[in-house]
């Protein structure tokens, strides 16, 4: 799979351990989104902005993506930063949806 394919693919419902991605696939997908860090069953990244207005514009755009995909991140937002974490609670860790959404956010922030 390419990063462009990640961006173009829509999320689908993922439930149960069978929909969790294994370590081999995690490594392959993580290589496509190198600015994200994996830890504690989550994809994590911090974004920095010039001011609150830019931060909130980004957060609102991410919210639109998340609602469209029906897959939602955990966000921590401050004046000039947004810390984002993706995981799939229904699988107890990472699913393909997390990587799809992280790639879409990367495209947004590019």
PDB file of N, CA and C in Angstrom:
ATOM      1  N   UNK A   1       0.847  -1.173   0.000  1.00  0.00           N
ATOM      2  CA  UNK A   1       0.000   0.000   0.000  1.00  0.00           C
ATOM      3  C   UNK A   1       0.896   1.242   0.000  1.00  0.00           C
ATOM      4  N   UNK A   2       0.469   2.277  -0.716  1.00  0.00           N
ATOM      5  CA  UNK A   2       1.194   3.536  -0.762  1.00  0.00           C
ATOM      6  C   UNK A   2       0.513   4.559   0.145  1.00  0.00           C
ATOM      7  N   UNK A   3       1.197   5.669   0.392  1.00  0.00           N
ATOM      8  CA  UNK A   3       0.582   6.722   1.202  1.00  0.00           C
ATOM      9  C   UNK A   3      -0.641   7.288   0.488  1.00  0.00           C
ATOM     10  N   UNK A   4      -0.582   7.406  -0.824  1.00  0.00           N
ATOM     11  CA  UNK A   4      -1.724   7.892  -1.592  1.00  0.00           C
ATOM     12  C   UNK A   4      -2.929   6.966  -1.436  1.00  0.00           C
ATOM     13  N   UNK A   5      -2.688   5.665  -1.396  1.00  0.00           N
ATOM     14  CA  UNK A   5      -3.781   4.704  -1.183  1.00  0.00           C
ATOM     15  C   UNK A   5      -4.356   4.836   0.224  1.00  0.00           C
ATOM     16  N   UNK A   6      -3.490   5.082   1.208  1.00  0.00           N
ATOM     17  CA  UNK A   6      -3.981   5.310   2.570  1.00  0.00           C
ATOM     18  C   UNK A   6      -4.908   6.519   2.598  1.00  0.00           C
ATOM     19  N   UNK A   7      -4.492   7.582   1.946  1.00  0.00           N
ATOM     20  CA  UNK A   7      -5.280   8.811   1.940  1.00  0.00           C
ATOM     21  C   UNK A   7      -6.622   8.603   1.241  1.00  0.00           C
ATOM     22  N   UNK A   8      -6.630   7.831   0.169  1.00  0.00           N
ATOM     23  CA  UNK A   8      -7.840   7.647  -0.642  1.00  0.00           C
ATOM     24  C   UNK A   8      -8.818   6.617  -0.072  1.00  0.00           C
ATOM     25  N   UNK A   9      -8.347   5.740   0.803  1.00  0.00           N
ATOM     26  CA  UNK A   9      -9.191   4.661   1.329  1.00  0.00           C
ATOM     27  C   UNK A   9     -10.055   5.168   2.465  1.00  0.00           C
ATOM     28  N   UNK A  10     -11.327   4.810   2.437  1.00  0.00           N
ATOM     29  CA  UNK A  10     -12.254   5.206   3.501  1.00  0.00           C
ATOM     30  C   UNK A  10     -12.199   4.202   4.647  1.00  0.00           C
ATOM     31  N   UNK A  11     -12.445   4.673   5.846  1.00  0.00           N
ATOM     32  CA  UNK A  11     -12.519   3.811   7.028  1.00  0.00           C
ATOM     33  C   UNK A  11     -13.767   2.939   6.954  1.00  0.00           C
ATOM     34  N   UNK A  12     -13.651   1.756   7.532  1.00  0.00           N
ATOM     35  CA  UNK A  12     -14.790   0.859   7.688  1.00  0.00           C
ATOM     36  C   UNK A  12     -14.830   0.410   9.143  1.00  0.00           C
ATOM     37  N   UNK A  13     -15.988  -0.009   9.629  1.00  0.00           N
ATOM     38  CA  UNK A  13     -16.063  -0.436  11.033  1.00  0.00           C
ATOM     39  C   UNK A  13     -15.067  -1.564  11.318  1.00  0.00           C
ATOM     40  N   UNK A  14     -14.373  -1.452  12.423  1.00  0.00           N
ATOM     41  CA  UNK A  14     -13.398  -2.462  12.876  1.00  0.00           C
ATOM     42  C   UNK A  14     -13.780  -2.850  14.286  1.00  0.00           C
ATOM     43  N   UNK A  15     -13.960  -4.144  14.511  1.00  0.00           N
ATOM     44  CA  UNK A  15     -14.361  -4.630  15.834  1.00  0.00           C
ATOM     45  C   UNK A  15     -13.646  -5.938  16.141  1.00  0.00           C
ATOM     46  N   UNK A  16     -13.137  -6.027  17.333  1.00  0.00           N
ATOM     47  CA  UNK A  16     -12.524  -7.259  17.794  1.00  0.00           C
ATOM     48  C   UNK A  16     -11.073  -7.411  17.385  1.00  0.00           C
ATOM     49  N   UNK A  17     -10.421  -8.342  18.026  1.00  0.00           N
ATOM     50  CA  UNK A  17      -8.985  -8.567  17.833  1.00  0.00           C
ATOM     51  C   UNK A  17      -8.637  -8.922  16.391  1.00  0.00           C
ATOM     52  N   UNK A  18      -9.550  -9.518  15.657  1.00  0.00           N
ATOM     53  CA  UNK A  18      -9.273  -9.897  14.270  1.00  0.00           C
ATOM     54  C   UNK A  18      -9.021  -8.673  13.389  1.00  0.00           C
ATOM     55  N   UNK A  19      -9.525  -7.513  13.775  1.00  0.00           N
ATOM     56  CA  UNK A  19      -9.324  -6.293  12.991  1.00  0.00           C
ATOM     57  C   UNK A  19      -8.117  -5.476  13.448  1.00  0.00           C
ATOM     58  N   UNK A  20      -7.404  -5.943  14.460  1.00  0.00           N
ATOM     59  CA  UNK A  20      -6.170  -5.268  14.882  1.00  0.00           C
ATOM     60  C   UNK A  20      -5.075  -5.583  13.864  1.00  0.00           C
ATOM     61  N   UNK A  21      -4.202  -4.615  13.605  1.00  0.00           N
ATOM     62  CA  UNK A  21      -3.096  -4.867  12.689  1.00  0.00           C
ATOM     63  C   UNK A  21      -1.949  -5.522  13.449  1.00  0.00           C
ATOM     64  N   UNK A  22      -1.276  -6.463  12.782  1.00  0.00           N
ATOM     65  CA  UNK A  22      -0.170  -7.168  13.434  1.00  0.00           C
ATOM     66  C   UNK A  22       1.118  -6.353  13.310  1.00  0.00           C
ATOM     67  N   UNK A  23       2.130  -6.791  14.009  1.00  0.00           N
ATOM     68  CA  UNK A  23       3.394  -6.042  14.087  1.00  0.00           C
ATOM     69  C   UNK A  23       4.021  -5.827  12.716  1.00  0.00           C
ATOM     70  N   UNK A  24       3.932  -6.808  11.834  1.00  0.00           N
ATOM     71  CA  UNK A  24       4.520  -6.678  10.497  1.00  0.00           C
ATOM     72  C   UNK A  24       3.818  -5.575   9.713  1.00  0.00           C
ATOM     73  N   UNK A  25       2.498  -5.576   9.738  1.00  0.00           N
ATOM     74  CA  UNK A  25       1.748  -4.557   9.009  1.00  0.00           C
ATOM     75  C   UNK A  25       1.926  -3.184   9.654  1.00  0.00           C
ATOM     76  N   UNK A  26       2.015  -3.133  10.978  1.00  0.00           N
ATOM     77  CA  UNK A  26       2.280  -1.860  11.658  1.00  0.00           C
ATOM     78  C   UNK A  26       3.582  -1.262  11.139  1.00  0.00           C
ATOM     79  N   UNK A  27       4.619  -2.065  11.028  1.00  0.00           N
ATOM     80  CA  UNK A  27       5.917  -1.571  10.552  1.00  0.00           C
ATOM     81  C   UNK A  27       5.806  -1.059   9.118  1.00  0.00           C
ATOM     82  N   UNK A  28       5.091  -1.779   8.266  1.00  0.00           N
ATOM     83  CA  UNK A  28       4.927  -1.362   6.865  1.00  0.00           C
ATOM     84  C   UNK A  28       4.157  -0.048   6.770  1.00  0.00           C
ATOM     85  N   UNK A  29       3.073   0.054   7.520  1.00  0.00           N
ATOM     86  CA  UNK A  29       2.248   1.260   7.466  1.00  0.00           C
ATOM     87  C   UNK A  29       2.942   2.445   8.133  1.00  0.00           C
ATOM     88  N   UNK A  30       3.655   2.194   9.213  1.00  0.00           N
ATOM     89  CA  UNK A  30       4.369   3.268   9.913  1.00  0.00           C
ATOM     90  C   UNK A  30       5.424   3.900   9.012  1.00  0.00           C
ATOM     91  N   UNK A  31       6.007   3.128   8.132  1.00  0.00           N
ATOM     92  CA  UNK A  31       7.004   3.669   7.202  1.00  0.00           C
ATOM     93  C   UNK A  31       6.388   4.699   6.252  1.00  0.00           C
ATOM     94  N   UNK A  32       5.084   4.617   6.037  1.00  0.00           N
ATOM     95  CA  UNK A  32       4.395   5.547   5.141  1.00  0.00           C
ATOM     96  C   UNK A  32       4.043   6.865   5.830  1.00  0.00           C
ATOM     97  N   UNK A  33       4.057   6.871   7.151  1.00  0.00           N
ATOM     98  CA  UNK A  33       3.717   8.075   7.930  1.00  0.00           C
ATOM     99  C   UNK A  33       4.817   8.302   8.984  1.00  0.00           C
ATOM    100  N   UNK A  34       6.030   8.640   8.531  1.00  0.00           N
ATOM    101  CA  UNK A  34       7.192   8.661   9.428  1.00  0.00           C
ATOM    102  C   UNK A  34       7.156   9.709  10.532  1.00  0.00           C
ATOM    103  N   UNK A  35       6.290  10.705  10.442  1.00  0.00           N
ATOM    104  CA  UNK A  35       6.235  11.726  11.494  1.00  0.00           C
ATOM    105  C   UNK A  35       5.414  11.280  12.702  1.00  0.00           C
ATOM    106  N   UNK A  36       4.763  10.133  12.595  1.00  0.00           N
ATOM    107  CA  UNK A  36       3.947   9.600  13.693  1.00  0.00           C
ATOM    108  C   UNK A  36       4.780   8.628  14.515  1.00  0.00           C
ATOM    109  N   UNK A  37       4.496   8.582  15.807  1.00  0.00           N
ATOM    110  CA  UNK A  37       5.186   7.676  16.722  1.00  0.00           C
ATOM    111  C   UNK A  37       4.185   6.648  17.231  1.00  0.00           C
ATOM    112  N   UNK A  38       4.654   5.445  17.420  1.00  0.00           N
ATOM    113  CA  UNK A  38       3.800   4.369  17.918  1.00  0.00           C
ATOM    114  C   UNK A  38       4.216   4.046  19.338  1.00  0.00           C
ATOM    115  N   UNK A  39       3.225   4.008  20.231  1.00  0.00           N
ATOM    116  CA  UNK A  39       3.480   3.665  21.617  1.00  0.00           C
ATOM    117  C   UNK A  39       2.190   3.411  22.345  1.00  0.00           C
ATOM    118  N   UNK A  40       2.182   2.431  23.195  1.00  0.00           N
ATOM    119  CA  UNK A  40       1.014   2.090  24.009  1.00  0.00           C
ATOM    120  C   UNK A  40      -0.227   1.846  23.156  1.00  0.00           C
ATOM    121  N   UNK A  41      -0.044   1.215  22.000  1.00  0.00           N
ATOM    122  CA  UNK A  41      -1.176   0.888  21.142  1.00  0.00           C
ATOM    123  C   UNK A  41      -1.810   2.091  20.473  1.00  0.00           C
ATOM    124  N   UNK A  42      -1.033   3.166  20.274  1.00  0.00           N
ATOM    125  CA  UNK A  42      -1.554   4.394  19.673  1.00  0.00           C
ATOM    126  C   UNK A  42      -0.565   4.955  18.652  1.00  0.00           C
ATOM    127  N   UNK A  43      -1.109   5.682  17.678  1.00  0.00           N
ATOM    128  CA  UNK A  43      -0.309   6.539  16.818  1.00  0.00           C
ATOM    129  C   UNK A  43      -0.348   7.928  17.430  1.00  0.00           C
ATOM    130  N   UNK A  44       0.806   8.578  17.549  1.00  0.00           N
ATOM    131  CA  UNK A  44       0.874   9.876  18.226  1.00  0.00           C
ATOM    132  C   UNK A  44       1.677  10.863  17.383  1.00  0.00           C
ATOM    133  N   UNK A  45       1.219  12.109  17.409  1.00  0.00           N
ATOM    134  CA  UNK A  45       1.964  13.174  16.739  1.00  0.00           C
ATOM    135  C   UNK A  45       1.576  14.516  17.345  1.00  0.00           C
ATOM    136  N   UNK A  46       2.539  15.413  17.404  1.00  0.00           N
ATOM    137  CA  UNK A  46       2.270  16.783  17.845  1.00  0.00           C
ATOM    138  C   UNK A  46       2.446  17.722  16.660  1.00  0.00           C
ATOM    139  N   UNK A  47       1.509  18.632  16.510  1.00  0.00           N
ATOM    140  CA  UNK A  47       1.547  19.657  15.470  1.00  0.00           C
ATOM    141  C   UNK A  47       1.723  21.008  16.146  1.00  0.00           C
ATOM    142  N   UNK A  48       2.522  21.893  15.545  1.00  0.00           N
ATOM    143  CA  UNK A  48       2.761  23.233  16.069  1.00  0.00           C
ATOM    144  C   UNK A  48       2.259  24.272  15.068  1.00  0.00           C
ATOM    145  N   UNK A  49       1.737  25.391  15.599  1.00  0.00           N
ATOM    146  CA  UNK A  49       1.161  26.447  14.774  1.00  0.00           C
ATOM    147  C   UNK A  49       1.623  27.807  15.260  1.00  0.00           C
ATOM    148  N   UNK A  50       1.382  28.825  14.449  1.00  0.00           N
ATOM    149  CA  UNK A  50       1.850  30.172  14.789  1.00  0.00           C
ATOM    150  C   UNK A  50       0.999  30.825  15.864  1.00  0.00           C
ATOM    151  N   UNK A  51      -0.306  30.443  15.945  1.00  0.00           N
ATOM    152  CA  UNK A  51      -1.190  31.082  16.913  1.00  0.00           C
ATOM    153  C   UNK A  51      -2.443  30.230  17.115  1.00  0.00           C
ATOM    154  N   UNK A  52      -3.305  30.700  17.988  1.00  0.00           N
ATOM    155  CA  UNK A  52      -4.529  29.968  18.321  1.00  0.00           C
ATOM    156  C   UNK A  52      -5.454  29.825  17.117  1.00  0.00           C
ATOM    157  N   UNK A  53      -5.553  30.865  16.312  1.00  0.00           N
ATOM    158  CA  UNK A  53      -6.426  30.831  15.139  1.00  0.00           C
ATOM    159  C   UNK A  53      -6.011  29.697  14.189  1.00  0.00           C
ATOM    160  N   UNK A  54      -4.722  29.587  13.907  1.00  0.00           N
ATOM    161  CA  UNK A  54      -4.226  28.522  13.027  1.00  0.00           C
ATOM    162  C   UNK A  54      -4.448  27.147  13.658  1.00  0.00           C
ATOM    163  N   UNK A  55      -4.224  27.057  14.957  1.00  0.00           N
ATOM    164  CA  UNK A  55      -4.447  25.783  15.654  1.00  0.00           C
ATOM    165  C   UNK A  55      -5.890  25.337  15.531  1.00  0.00           C
ATOM    166  N   UNK A  56      -6.803  26.245  15.797  1.00  0.00           N
ATOM    167  CA  UNK A  56      -8.226  25.880  15.759  1.00  0.00           C
ATOM    168  C   UNK A  56      -8.701  25.592  14.337  1.00  0.00           C
ATOM    169  N   UNK A  57      -8.153  26.276  13.345  1.00  0.00           N
ATOM    170  CA  UNK A  57      -8.486  25.951  11.959  1.00  0.00           C
ATOM    171  C   UNK A  57      -8.098  24.523  11.631  1.00  0.00           C
ATOM    172  N   UNK A  58      -6.911  24.126  12.073  1.00  0.00           N
ATOM    173  CA  UNK A  58      -6.446  22.748  11.872  1.00  0.00           C
ATOM    174  C   UNK A  58      -7.334  21.760  12.611  1.00  0.00           C
ATOM    175  N   UNK A  59      -7.623  22.037  13.871  1.00  0.00           N
ATOM    176  CA  UNK A  59      -8.449  21.132  14.682  1.00  0.00           C
ATOM    177  C   UNK A  59      -9.831  20.960  14.049  1.00  0.00           C
ATOM    178  N   UNK A  60     -10.414  22.036  13.563  1.00  0.00           N
ATOM    179  CA  UNK A  60     -11.731  21.938  12.924  1.00  0.00           C
ATOM    180  C   UNK A  60     -11.671  21.122  11.640  1.00  0.00           C
ATOM    181  N   UNK A  61     -10.594  21.254  10.876  1.00  0.00           N
ATOM    182  CA  UNK A  61     -10.433  20.450   9.669  1.00  0.00           C
ATOM    183  C   UNK A  61     -10.267  18.965  10.022  1.00  0.00           C
ATOM    184  N   UNK A  62      -9.514  18.683  11.074  1.00  0.00           N
ATOM    185  CA  UNK A  62      -9.360  17.291  11.534  1.00  0.00           C
ATOM    186  C   UNK A  62     -10.707  16.743  11.992  1.00  0.00           C
ATOM    187  N   UNK A  63     -11.487  17.555  12.685  1.00  0.00           N
ATOM    188  CA  UNK A  63     -12.818  17.117  13.132  1.00  0.00           C
ATOM    189  C   UNK A  63     -13.695  16.765  11.945  1.00  0.00           C
ATOM    190  N   UNK A  64     -13.605  17.525  10.875  1.00  0.00           N
ATOM    191  CA  UNK A  64     -14.389  17.230   9.670  1.00  0.00           C
ATOM    192  C   UNK A  64     -13.979  15.876   9.089  1.00  0.00           C
ATOM    193  N   UNK A  65     -12.663  15.642   8.984  1.00  0.00           N
ATOM    194  CA  UNK A  65     -12.163  14.354   8.484  1.00  0.00           C
ATOM    195  C   UNK A  65     -12.651  13.217   9.387  1.00  0.00           C
ATOM    196  N   UNK A  66     -12.496  13.393  10.692  1.00  0.00           N
ATOM    197  CA  UNK A  66     -12.875  12.352  11.647  1.00  0.00           C
ATOM    198  C   UNK A  66     -14.362  12.022  11.551  1.00  0.00           C
ATOM    199  N   UNK A  67     -15.188  13.028  11.427  1.00  0.00           N
ATOM    200  CA  UNK A  67     -16.630  12.773  11.299  1.00  0.00           C
ATOM    201  C   UNK A  67     -16.961  12.099   9.978  1.00  0.00           C
ATOM    202  N   UNK A  68     -16.309  12.518   8.908  1.00  0.00           N
ATOM    203  CA  UNK A  68     -16.544  11.903   7.597  1.00  0.00           C
ATOM    204  C   UNK A  68     -16.149  10.430   7.623  1.00  0.00           C
ATOM    205  N   UNK A  69     -15.057  10.118   8.295  1.00  0.00           N
ATOM    206  CA  UNK A  69     -14.565   8.738   8.360  1.00  0.00           C
ATOM    207  C   UNK A  69     -15.206   7.936   9.490  1.00  0.00           C
ATOM    208  N   UNK A  70     -15.934   8.597  10.358  1.00  0.00           N
ATOM    209  CA  UNK A  70     -16.520   7.979  11.550  1.00  0.00           C
ATOM    210  C   UNK A  70     -15.451   7.267  12.378  1.00  0.00           C
ATOM    211  N   UNK A  71     -14.320   7.959  12.519  1.00  0.00           N
ATOM    212  CA  UNK A  71     -13.196   7.461  13.317  1.00  0.00           C
ATOM    213  C   UNK A  71     -12.557   8.696  13.949  1.00  0.00           C
ATOM    214  N   UNK A  72     -12.455   8.720  15.259  1.00  0.00           N
ATOM    215  CA  UNK A  72     -12.150   9.962  15.964  1.00  0.00           C
ATOM    216  C   UNK A  72     -10.893   9.847  16.821  1.00  0.00           C
ATOM    217  N   UNK A  73     -10.028  10.861  16.746  1.00  0.00           N
ATOM    218  CA  UNK A  73      -8.804  10.851  17.549  1.00  0.00           C
ATOM    219  C   UNK A  73      -9.039  11.434  18.933  1.00  0.00           C
ATOM    220  N   UNK A  74      -8.077  11.223  19.791  1.00  0.00           N
ATOM    221  CA  UNK A  74      -8.006  11.956  21.049  1.00  0.00           C
ATOM    222  C   UNK A  74      -7.116  13.156  20.775  1.00  0.00           C
ATOM    223  N   UNK A  75      -7.586  14.329  21.173  1.00  0.00           N
ATOM    224  CA  UNK A  75      -6.864  15.567  20.913  1.00  0.00           C
ATOM    225  C   UNK A  75      -6.572  16.307  22.208  1.00  0.00           C
ATOM    226  N   UNK A  76      -5.402  16.906  22.265  1.00  0.00           N
ATOM    227  CA  UNK A  76      -5.054  17.859  23.320  1.00  0.00           C
ATOM    228  C   UNK A  76      -4.668  19.137  22.595  1.00  0.00           C
ATOM    229  N   UNK A  77      -5.386  20.206  22.876  1.00  0.00           N
ATOM    230  CA  UNK A  77      -5.224  21.441  22.115  1.00  0.00           C
ATOM    231  C   UNK A  77      -4.828  22.577  23.045  1.00  0.00           C
ATOM    232  N   UNK A  78      -3.867  23.362  22.600  1.00  0.00           N
ATOM    233  CA  UNK A  78      -3.449  24.558  23.319  1.00  0.00           C
ATOM    234  C   UNK A  78      -3.296  25.723  22.354  1.00  0.00           C
ATOM    235  N   UNK A  79      -2.768  26.814  22.823  1.00  0.00           N
ATOM    236  CA  UNK A  79      -2.662  28.040  22.037  1.00  0.00           C
ATOM    237  C   UNK A  79      -2.031  27.798  20.657  1.00  0.00           C
ATOM    238  N   UNK A  80      -0.899  27.097  20.624  1.00  0.00           N
ATOM    239  CA  UNK A  80      -0.204  26.906  19.348  1.00  0.00           C
ATOM    240  C   UNK A  80       0.203  25.454  19.087  1.00  0.00           C
ATOM    241  N   UNK A  81      -0.563  24.526  19.635  1.00  0.00           N
ATOM    242  CA  UNK A  81      -0.238  23.120  19.406  1.00  0.00           C
ATOM    243  C   UNK A  81      -1.493  22.253  19.434  1.00  0.00           C
ATOM    244  N   UNK A  82      -1.351  21.104  18.819  1.00  0.00           N
ATOM    245  CA  UNK A  82      -2.374  20.049  18.900  1.00  0.00           C
ATOM    246  C   UNK A  82      -1.630  18.725  18.992  1.00  0.00           C
ATOM    247  N   UNK A  83      -1.886  17.995  20.052  1.00  0.00           N
ATOM    248  CA  UNK A  83      -1.348  16.646  20.205  1.00  0.00           C
ATOM    249  C   UNK A  83      -2.467  15.679  19.852  1.00  0.00           C
ATOM    250  N   UNK A  84      -2.163  14.754  18.964  1.00  0.00           N
ATOM    251  CA  UNK A  84      -3.191  13.858  18.439  1.00  0.00           C
ATOM    252  C   UNK A  84      -2.783  12.411  18.673  1.00  0.00           C
ATOM    253  N   UNK A  85      -3.771  11.601  19.055  1.00  0.00           N
ATOM    254  CA  UNK A  85      -3.562  10.163  19.241  1.00  0.00           C
ATOM    255  C   UNK A  85      -4.682   9.413  18.540  1.00  0.00           C
ATOM    256  N   UNK A  86      -4.309   8.443  17.729  1.00  0.00           N
ATOM    257  CA  UNK A  86      -5.275   7.566  17.070  1.00  0.00           C
ATOM    258  C   UNK A  86      -5.124   6.163  17.630  1.00  0.00           C
ATOM    259  N   UNK A  87      -6.235   5.531  17.932  1.00  0.00           N
ATOM    260  CA  UNK A  87      -6.280   4.108  18.271  1.00  0.00           C
ATOM    261  C   UNK A  87      -7.716   3.651  18.021  1.00  0.00           C
ATOM    262  N   UNK A  88      -7.898   2.360  17.987  1.00  0.00           N
ATOM    263  CA  UNK A  88      -9.241   1.819  17.761  1.00  0.00           C
ATOM    264  C   UNK A  88      -9.640   1.049  19.006  1.00  0.00           C
ATOM    265  N   UNK A  89     -10.446   1.672  19.827  1.00  0.00           N
ATOM    266  CA  UNK A  89     -10.831   1.073  21.112  1.00  0.00           C
ATOM    267  C   UNK A  89     -11.493  -0.282  20.927  1.00  0.00           C
ATOM    268  N   UNK A  90     -12.282  -0.440  19.867  1.00  0.00           N
ATOM    269  CA  UNK A  90     -13.005  -1.697  19.646  1.00  0.00           C
ATOM    270  C   UNK A  90     -12.100  -2.871  19.287  1.00  0.00           C
ATOM    271  N   UNK A  91     -10.836  -2.604  18.909  1.00  0.00           N
ATOM    272  CA  UNK A  91      -9.906  -3.708  18.650  1.00  0.00           C
ATOM    273  C   UNK A  91      -8.826  -3.785  19.722  1.00  0.00           C
ATOM    274  N   UNK A  92      -8.826  -2.833  20.641  1.00  0.00           N
ATOM    275  CA  UNK A  92      -7.848  -2.852  21.725  1.00  0.00           C
ATOM    276  C   UNK A  92      -6.463  -2.431  21.301  1.00  0.00           C
ATOM    277  N   UNK A  93      -6.363  -1.586  20.292  1.00  0.00           N
ATOM    278  CA  UNK A  93      -5.058  -1.125  19.817  1.00  0.00           C
ATOM    279  C   UNK A  93      -5.198  -0.453  18.467  1.00  0.00           C
ATOM    280  N   UNK A  94      -4.296  -0.778  17.570  1.00  0.00           N
ATOM    281  CA  UNK A  94      -4.278  -0.141  16.260  1.00  0.00           C
ATOM    282  C   UNK A  94      -5.007  -0.970  15.206  1.00  0.00           C
ATOM    283  N   UNK A  95      -5.768  -0.269  14.382  1.00  0.00           N
ATOM    284  CA  UNK A  95      -6.400  -0.885  13.219  1.00  0.00           C
ATOM    285  C   UNK A  95      -5.969  -0.110  11.987  1.00  0.00           C
ATOM    286  N   UNK A  96      -6.325  -0.604  10.825  1.00  0.00           N
ATOM    287  CA  UNK A  96      -6.022   0.091   9.587  1.00  0.00           C
ATOM    288  C   UNK A  96      -6.615   1.497   9.599  1.00  0.00           C
ATOM    289  N   UNK A  97      -7.767   1.685  10.224  1.00  0.00           N
ATOM    290  CA  UNK A  97      -8.401   3.005  10.273  1.00  0.00           C
ATOM    291  C   UNK A  97      -7.483   4.066  10.873  1.00  0.00           C
ATOM    292  N   UNK A  98      -6.701   3.705  11.857  1.00  0.00           N
ATOM    293  CA  UNK A  98      -5.801   4.666  12.494  1.00  0.00           C
ATOM    294  C   UNK A  98      -4.760   5.179  11.501  1.00  0.00           C
ATOM    295  N   UNK A  99      -4.224   4.290  10.701  1.00  0.00           N
ATOM    296  CA  UNK A  99      -3.227   4.672   9.706  1.00  0.00           C
ATOM    297  C   UNK A  99      -3.858   5.464   8.563  1.00  0.00           C
ATOM    298  N   UNK A 100      -5.070   5.086   8.166  1.00  0.00           N
ATOM    299  CA  UNK A 100      -5.783   5.836   7.128  1.00  0.00           C
ATOM    300  C   UNK A 100      -5.978   7.279   7.571  1.00  0.00           C
ATOM    301  N   UNK A 101      -6.449   7.462   8.790  1.00  0.00           N
ATOM    302  CA  UNK A 101      -6.730   8.816   9.295  1.00  0.00           C
ATOM    303  C   UNK A 101      -5.444   9.609   9.514  1.00  0.00           C
ATOM    304  N   UNK A 102      -4.400   8.965  10.014  1.00  0.00           N
ATOM    305  CA  UNK A 102      -3.126   9.670  10.196  1.00  0.00           C
ATOM    306  C   UNK A 102      -2.600  10.162   8.857  1.00  0.00           C
ATOM    307  N   UNK A 103      -2.725   9.354   7.809  1.00  0.00           N
ATOM    308  CA  UNK A 103      -2.268   9.769   6.480  1.00  0.00           C
ATOM    309  C   UNK A 103      -3.110  10.937   5.964  1.00  0.00           C
ATOM    310  N   UNK A 104      -4.411  10.916   6.218  1.00  0.00           N
ATOM    311  CA  UNK A 104      -5.279  12.022   5.804  1.00  0.00           C
ATOM    312  C   UNK A 104      -4.902  13.308   6.536  1.00  0.00           C
ATOM    313  N   UNK A 105      -4.568  13.208   7.811  1.00  0.00           N
ATOM    314  CA  UNK A 105      -4.141  14.380   8.566  1.00  0.00           C
ATOM    315  C   UNK A 105      -2.802  14.880   8.046  1.00  0.00           C
ATOM    316  N   UNK A 106      -1.895  13.985   7.699  1.00  0.00           N
ATOM    317  CA  UNK A 106      -0.625  14.403   7.107  1.00  0.00           C
ATOM    318  C   UNK A 106      -0.876  15.203   5.821  1.00  0.00           C
ATOM    319  N   UNK A 107      -1.808  14.724   4.990  1.00  0.00           N
ATOM    320  CA  UNK A 107      -2.124  15.426   3.743  1.00  0.00           C
ATOM    321  C   UNK A 107      -2.694  16.812   4.045  1.00  0.00           C
ATOM    322  N   UNK A 108      -3.494  16.893   5.075  1.00  0.00           N
ATOM    323  CA  UNK A 108      -4.077  18.176   5.477  1.00  0.00           C
ATOM    324  C   UNK A 108      -2.977  19.147   5.918  1.00  0.00           C
ATOM    325  N   UNK A 109      -2.020  18.659   6.675  1.00  0.00           N
ATOM    326  CA  UNK A 109      -1.010  19.538   7.258  1.00  0.00           C
ATOM    327  C   UNK A 109       0.130  19.853   6.292  1.00  0.00           C
ATOM    328  N   UNK A 110       0.166  19.177   5.150  1.00  0.00           N
ATOM    329  CA  UNK A 110       1.258  19.392   4.184  1.00  0.00           C
ATOM    330  C   UNK A 110       1.171  20.759   3.527  1.00  0.00           C
TER     331      UNK A 110
END
